[in-house]
Each structure stands twice: as structure tokens, then as C-alpha cells.
Amino acid sequence: MITLTTLREASLVLNAILIESVRATPDTTIQLVGGQTYIVKESLEEVKAATIDFYQQIGLAGLNSIRRLEDGRRKEEE
């Protein structure tokens, strides 16, 4: 979960796994996979950094790069 701030200065805790997209239009708008949309004070880069930190905390960060590396090794072996 990541903690963000709404435009009305309220704390908002989101499950970062459910984030589908983040846009700066110019306010930072977060859309979740269920269609919910939130506008927050943090910049796009701050949301991205918080999401990466969350993924690292739960052990999800780097899995794609590991899989790509393993896939590359398999192709070289064939």
C-alpha cells in the first residue's frame, strides 16, 4: 500500500498493485484496474517511486528483469 495526499489534504492509501495508469494532466491522476480515478498532490515521479518502493518491500521488484534474463539465456542455449 502507498500513502498519497488528495487535493483536499486528506491522506489516501492505495493498493499499488491495482494501479493501471498514472498521468500528469497537469494534476497527477491515478486510475485503478477497477476504473476508480484519484487525483493526488504528489507528482507522477513521486507516485512511481512510492510504487517501486512498495514492490521492493513485498518482493515483486525486479521479477520481470530476472525473467527476461532467464529467457535470454534459454534462447542462447537453444
N, C-alpha and C. Protein backbone atom coordinates (compact mmCIF):
# COMPACT_ATOMS: atom_id res chain seq x y z
N MET A 1 0.84 -1.16 0.00
CA MET A 1 0.00 0.00 0.00
C MET A 1 0.90 1.24 0.00
N ILE A 2 0.46 2.26 -0.72
CA ILE A 2 1.19 3.52 -0.74
C ILE A 2 0.28 4.61 -0.20
N THR A 3 0.86 5.56 0.51
CA THR A 3 0.10 6.68 1.08
C THR A 3 0.35 7.92 0.26
N LEU A 4 -0.74 8.54 -0.20
CA LEU A 4 -0.67 9.75 -1.02
C LEU A 4 -1.54 10.81 -0.37
N THR A 5 -1.59 12.00 -1.00
CA THR A 5 -2.36 13.11 -0.46
C THR A 5 -3.32 13.61 -1.52
N THR A 6 -4.60 13.73 -1.16
CA THR A 6 -5.59 14.27 -2.10
C THR A 6 -5.42 15.78 -2.20
N LEU A 7 -6.11 16.38 -3.14
CA LEU A 7 -6.02 17.84 -3.31
C LEU A 7 -6.61 18.59 -2.11
N ARG A 8 -7.43 17.90 -1.32
CA ARG A 8 -8.02 18.50 -0.11
C ARG A 8 -7.20 18.18 1.14
N GLU A 9 -5.96 17.76 0.94
CA GLU A 9 -5.01 17.48 2.02
C GLU A 9 -5.37 16.26 2.86
N ALA A 10 -6.21 15.38 2.37
CA ALA A 10 -6.53 14.15 3.09
C ALA A 10 -5.58 13.04 2.66
N SER A 11 -5.24 12.17 3.60
CA SER A 11 -4.39 11.03 3.27
C SER A 11 -5.21 9.99 2.50
N LEU A 12 -4.57 9.37 1.54
CA LEU A 12 -5.20 8.36 0.72
C LEU A 12 -4.23 7.18 0.63
N VAL A 13 -4.71 6.00 1.00
CA VAL A 13 -3.88 4.80 0.94
C VAL A 13 -4.41 3.93 -0.18
N LEU A 14 -3.53 3.65 -1.15
CA LEU A 14 -3.92 2.84 -2.31
C LEU A 14 -3.12 1.56 -2.37
N ASN A 15 -3.74 0.52 -2.89
CA ASN A 15 -3.04 -0.72 -3.17
C ASN A 15 -2.33 -0.52 -4.51
N ALA A 16 -1.02 -0.39 -4.47
CA ALA A 16 -0.24 -0.08 -5.66
C ALA A 16 -0.34 -1.16 -6.73
N ILE A 17 -0.68 -2.37 -6.34
CA ILE A 17 -0.81 -3.45 -7.32
C ILE A 17 -1.99 -3.20 -8.26
N LEU A 18 -2.97 -2.44 -7.79
CA LEU A 18 -4.17 -2.18 -8.60
C LEU A 18 -4.05 -0.96 -9.51
N ILE A 19 -2.91 -0.27 -9.49
CA ILE A 19 -2.75 0.91 -10.35
C ILE A 19 -2.60 0.47 -11.80
N GLU A 20 -3.47 1.02 -12.64
CA GLU A 20 -3.39 0.73 -14.07
C GLU A 20 -2.59 1.80 -14.79
N SER A 21 -2.83 3.07 -14.43
CA SER A 21 -2.08 4.15 -15.08
C SER A 21 -1.97 5.35 -14.17
N VAL A 22 -0.91 6.14 -14.40
CA VAL A 22 -0.69 7.40 -13.68
C VAL A 22 -0.37 8.44 -14.74
N ARG A 23 -1.10 9.56 -14.68
CA ARG A 23 -0.89 10.62 -15.67
C ARG A 23 -0.76 11.96 -14.98
N ALA A 24 0.01 12.86 -15.60
CA ALA A 24 0.13 14.24 -15.13
C ALA A 24 -0.59 15.11 -16.15
N THR A 25 -1.76 15.63 -15.80
CA THR A 25 -2.62 16.29 -16.80
C THR A 25 -3.18 17.65 -16.38
N PRO A 26 -2.62 18.62 -15.78
CA PRO A 26 -1.32 18.64 -15.10
C PRO A 26 -1.37 18.02 -13.71
N ASP A 27 -2.57 17.87 -13.12
CA ASP A 27 -2.65 17.18 -11.82
C ASP A 27 -2.34 15.70 -12.02
N THR A 28 -1.78 15.09 -11.00
CA THR A 28 -1.46 13.67 -11.08
C THR A 28 -2.75 12.87 -10.89
N THR A 29 -3.11 12.12 -11.91
CA THR A 29 -4.33 11.33 -11.90
C THR A 29 -3.96 9.85 -11.94
N ILE A 30 -4.52 9.09 -10.99
CA ILE A 30 -4.25 7.66 -10.89
C ILE A 30 -5.53 6.91 -11.23
N GLN A 31 -5.42 5.97 -12.15
CA GLN A 31 -6.56 5.12 -12.48
C GLN A 31 -6.25 3.70 -12.05
N LEU A 32 -7.20 3.09 -11.33
CA LEU A 32 -7.05 1.71 -10.88
C LEU A 32 -7.70 0.76 -11.87
N VAL A 33 -7.37 -0.52 -11.78
CA VAL A 33 -7.91 -1.50 -12.71
C VAL A 33 -9.42 -1.60 -12.64
N GLY A 34 -10.03 -1.26 -11.52
CA GLY A 34 -11.48 -1.29 -11.39
C GLY A 34 -12.17 -0.07 -11.96
N GLY A 35 -11.40 0.89 -12.48
CA GLY A 35 -11.95 2.09 -13.09
C GLY A 35 -11.98 3.31 -12.19
N GLN A 36 -11.70 3.14 -10.90
CA GLN A 36 -11.69 4.28 -9.99
C GLN A 36 -10.55 5.22 -10.35
N THR A 37 -10.80 6.52 -10.21
CA THR A 37 -9.80 7.53 -10.54
C THR A 37 -9.58 8.41 -9.31
N TYR A 38 -8.33 8.70 -9.03
CA TYR A 38 -7.95 9.55 -7.91
C TYR A 38 -7.00 10.64 -8.40
N ILE A 39 -7.17 11.85 -7.87
CA ILE A 39 -6.26 12.95 -8.18
C ILE A 39 -5.50 13.25 -6.90
N VAL A 40 -4.17 13.28 -7.01
CA VAL A 40 -3.32 13.45 -5.83
C VAL A 40 -2.34 14.60 -6.03
N LYS A 41 -1.80 15.07 -4.90
CA LYS A 41 -0.85 16.19 -4.93
C LYS A 41 0.55 15.76 -5.37
N GLU A 42 0.91 14.52 -5.10
CA GLU A 42 2.25 14.04 -5.45
C GLU A 42 2.44 14.04 -6.96
N SER A 43 3.68 14.24 -7.38
CA SER A 43 3.99 14.23 -8.80
C SER A 43 3.97 12.79 -9.33
N LEU A 44 3.95 12.67 -10.64
CA LEU A 44 4.00 11.37 -11.28
C LEU A 44 5.23 10.60 -10.83
N GLU A 45 6.37 11.27 -10.75
CA GLU A 45 7.62 10.63 -10.34
C GLU A 45 7.55 10.17 -8.88
N GLU A 46 6.89 10.95 -8.02
CA GLU A 46 6.76 10.55 -6.62
C GLU A 46 5.87 9.31 -6.48
N VAL A 47 4.80 9.25 -7.25
CA VAL A 47 3.93 8.07 -7.23
C VAL A 47 4.69 6.86 -7.75
N LYS A 48 5.44 7.06 -8.81
CA LYS A 48 6.23 5.97 -9.37
C LYS A 48 7.24 5.45 -8.35
N ALA A 49 7.95 6.36 -7.67
CA ALA A 49 8.94 5.97 -6.67
C ALA A 49 8.29 5.23 -5.50
N ALA A 50 7.13 5.71 -5.03
CA ALA A 50 6.42 5.05 -3.94
C ALA A 50 5.97 3.65 -4.35
N THR A 51 5.54 3.51 -5.60
CA THR A 51 5.10 2.21 -6.10
C THR A 51 6.27 1.23 -6.18
N ILE A 52 7.40 1.69 -6.69
CA ILE A 52 8.59 0.85 -6.77
C ILE A 52 9.04 0.43 -5.38
N ASP A 53 9.03 1.37 -4.42
CA ASP A 53 9.40 1.04 -3.04
C ASP A 53 8.47 -0.03 -2.48
N PHE A 54 7.17 0.10 -2.74
CA PHE A 54 6.20 -0.89 -2.27
C PHE A 54 6.50 -2.25 -2.88
N TYR A 55 6.73 -2.28 -4.19
CA TYR A 55 7.05 -3.55 -4.85
C TYR A 55 8.29 -4.20 -4.25
N GLN A 56 9.30 -3.38 -3.92
CA GLN A 56 10.52 -3.91 -3.32
C GLN A 56 10.23 -4.49 -1.94
N GLN A 57 9.37 -3.81 -1.17
CA GLN A 57 9.02 -4.28 0.17
C GLN A 57 8.35 -5.64 0.14
N ILE A 58 7.53 -5.88 -0.87
CA ILE A 58 6.80 -7.16 -0.93
C ILE A 58 7.48 -8.18 -1.83
N GLY A 59 8.64 -7.84 -2.37
CA GLY A 59 9.42 -8.79 -3.14
C GLY A 59 9.03 -8.93 -4.59
N LEU A 60 8.34 -7.95 -5.17
CA LEU A 60 7.96 -8.03 -6.58
C LEU A 60 8.90 -7.28 -7.50
N ALA A 61 9.71 -6.39 -6.98
CA ALA A 61 10.59 -5.59 -7.83
C ALA A 61 11.65 -6.47 -8.46
N GLY A 62 11.88 -6.30 -9.75
CA GLY A 62 12.93 -7.00 -10.44
C GLY A 62 12.53 -8.33 -11.04
N LEU A 63 11.32 -8.80 -10.80
CA LEU A 63 10.94 -10.11 -11.33
C LEU A 63 10.94 -10.13 -12.85
N ASN A 64 10.46 -9.06 -13.48
CA ASN A 64 10.43 -9.03 -14.95
C ASN A 64 11.84 -9.07 -15.53
N SER A 65 12.76 -8.33 -14.93
CA SER A 65 14.12 -8.32 -15.48
C SER A 65 14.79 -9.68 -15.28
N ILE A 66 14.48 -10.36 -14.18
CA ILE A 66 15.03 -11.70 -13.96
C ILE A 66 14.47 -12.66 -15.00
N ARG A 67 13.18 -12.59 -15.26
CA ARG A 67 12.57 -13.47 -16.27
C ARG A 67 13.15 -13.19 -17.65
N ARG A 68 13.35 -11.92 -17.99
CA ARG A 68 13.93 -11.60 -19.29
C ARG A 68 15.33 -12.15 -19.41
N LEU A 69 16.10 -12.06 -18.33
CA LEU A 69 17.46 -12.58 -18.34
C LEU A 69 17.44 -14.09 -18.52
N GLU A 70 16.55 -14.77 -17.80
CA GLU A 70 16.44 -16.22 -17.94
C GLU A 70 15.98 -16.60 -19.34
N ASP A 71 15.03 -15.87 -19.90
CA ASP A 71 14.56 -16.15 -21.25
C ASP A 71 15.70 -15.98 -22.26
N GLY A 72 16.52 -14.96 -22.07
CA GLY A 72 17.65 -14.73 -22.96
C GLY A 72 18.65 -15.86 -22.91
N ARG A 73 18.89 -16.37 -21.70
CA ARG A 73 19.82 -17.49 -21.55
C ARG A 73 19.29 -18.74 -22.26
N ARG A 74 17.99 -18.97 -22.13
CA ARG A 74 17.38 -20.14 -22.79
C ARG A 74 17.54 -20.06 -24.30
N LYS A 75 17.36 -18.87 -24.85
CA LYS A 75 17.48 -18.70 -26.31
C LYS A 75 18.92 -18.94 -26.76
N GLU A 76 19.89 -18.49 -25.94
CA GLU A 76 21.29 -18.71 -26.29
C GLU A 76 21.65 -20.18 -26.25
N GLU A 77 21.03 -20.94 -25.33
CA GLU A 77 21.33 -22.35 -25.18
C GLU A 77 20.75 -23.19 -26.31
N GLU A 78 19.67 -22.71 -26.92
CA GLU A 78 18.99 -23.50 -27.98
C GLU A 78 19.77 -23.55 -29.26
